[in-house]
Structures are given as C-alpha cells and as structure tokens.
C-alpha cells in the first residue's frame, strides 16, 4: 500500500462515482478487523492509512492514569509525558504497534474491501439508473434462457423476463433483439433485480408514444388498452380538438406508424378505436372491424346488447370470442352480441320490424 495504490484508488473512485474517503474508511475498518483476528489482541487499537503516502500504521490507544489497572488499556502519566509532555490525566495516547508483516495482510484486505465496495456502489448506481426507467420501454438483447426465464442485456445490466411476461407465440433465442417493458426494479441481497415484460399492455402504449408525436405533445390521449399479447390489441384514443383525428394520427399515413408497432410485436393485430363518452358509440367502435346496426344500453347493469347483420356475427364475436372479449375489456361494459335473425327468434317479431335499421345499414 503506497502512493501508487492511492492513485489507483482515486481513479477507481472517480470512474465508479464513489467518494475516495468512503473507500479508505472502509479499508481502515477492514484492517482493524484483520489485525484483531491475526494478532488476537485485547488492546484498543486503531488503523490509520496515510492519505498522502498510503502507508498503514496500527496504533494502540491507552488512557493516561495515575495507577494502572489494565496495561492493555492504560498508561501512567509519567510514561505518557515521555512521549509528549503535554499529556494530562484522562487523555488518550496513540502508541504505534504496527507488526512487521502487517503490510502484506493490509494489502490483501484492502484489495478485497475495494472490490466489495465497488460492487456495492455499482449495484446502487444500477438500481438508481433503472428505478427511473421503471414503467418505460428499453431495447435489449437476449443473453440466455434458463428454467423458462429469459435473461436480457439491458445496457450494462441484466433483466429477467418470467414465463408469465413472455408472449406464447414468440420463441426467444440468444442474440435476439427486442423491446421490453420494465415492470419492476427492486434491490435484493444480490443486487438490483430488473423484471421486464413483452405481454404488458403498457408496452403497446409506450410504442405508440414513440411513434406518434401527437401523443407526446398531449394532443392525442390513449384512454385505454385491452390486449391479448401475441394475438390482438385494441387501443382507445381521444383528441380534445375537433381538428385532430386521433385514429388517423395513430395509424399514420398509409398505416406506417401502426405498422412499425405491429412489426415490433411480431405481427400482433392492432385495432385503433376512437374513444367516446357515449357508451353506445364507444361500444360500437370497440367491436371493430365488425359493422353493427344498433346498441342497446342497460345503465343499471352496465351491460349492452349489440345487434349486427347475420354476416357480421362471427366477425363481431371473433375467433374463440376474442373480439367481443377485448371490446368488453376496453369499454368496461358487458357485451351481448346478437344477429338480426337471433333477435327475431328471441322476440318473436316479424321480419319487417327491423326493416328501417337494416335499410340504413345497407
């Protein structure tokens, strides 16, 4: 431990953003423990690392007394004044007791302490960096897949994608490049743990914010998102100003904006819906791409019955009920979809009773 060591210590402290004095204090504490362990002393001692030369010295601390009861802790006044005539009763005298071979022990322990403190500091720096990015998206590369968990490289940190945050239709391979959503950052005994997702609805939201300047400027607002990851997502958007078309802004000219998002999500279908505070209008739009005839609202039960042409029934419901399920999730309403034929059977009405609506639709 010398001036060269201190220079290296200062450089490390600067690069890692650690206070050099914190490192030296930690080294002194570790050396004190090492001294007591190696030399089995009962003395009250302290370790001093010279801030200029890097030399390490051990001092026994003894209280000045008139009559000694414990030689390991006390020193006579007359002996203390041989060291410095200024000492008075009750003062503490520092007597150097550095062992000859303590330099080797000091060097070994100092190295271990510095490495440990650097690791601790890096963990804190990583945690502070990523806690600010919680609920944001980040590009990453797949590092490995272990026990169904996918581990990704997040710019000098590792993220974990648990099985429930993985899209069932995606196969993750080493070196695959993805954009992930950071769901949670927490500090553990092993350092910061960063959990990421490919299934979270906010992944879609952040991708729209990246592609659509009107959303960033607050001109277009994403009201809600309903997603079945890997298959289909419905996004409800709204604009305060009548001159702004929120759906058009999100889709982009020739669909280029939404296509970028579809590509990132491996061809997941995305329906951009115009949000409305009129539930009839909103529910009707939410069932896109199906065309509807009418929507009947039950405010008390917050349920709706939607009437569609016979040839639109399967489209409105969707494969395995997905379209209707996502529309219900997007709007927050229970939705019952019926075709004209089904309504006529249920109500026992004549074919002509719905003629006006059918004519309007046609």
Foldseek 3Di string as FASTA:
>chain_A
DWQVVLVVLVVLCVVLVHDSVVLQVLLFVQLVVVCCVVVVDPFDKGWDQDNRTRDIWIWGKEFEDCDDPDPRHHDHLVVQVVVPVPDDGGDIDTHTDGDPPSVVVSVVSSVVSSVVVSQVSNLVVVLVVCVVQAQAKAKWFFADADPQWTWTDGPPDIAIEHNVQDQPPDDHDGGDIAMWHFHDWDADPNGIYTYTHPFDQSVLVNLLVVLFVCVVVVQKDFPFKFDDQPAEIETEMEGPDPVDDNQCRSLDDVRVNVVVVCVNSVNHYYHYFYDDPPLFRLLQRLLPPAHFLGWDADVVQQAIETEGAPVRQCSSCDDVRVSQVRSCVGSVGHYHYDYPVRVCVVVVDDPCPCVVSVVVVD
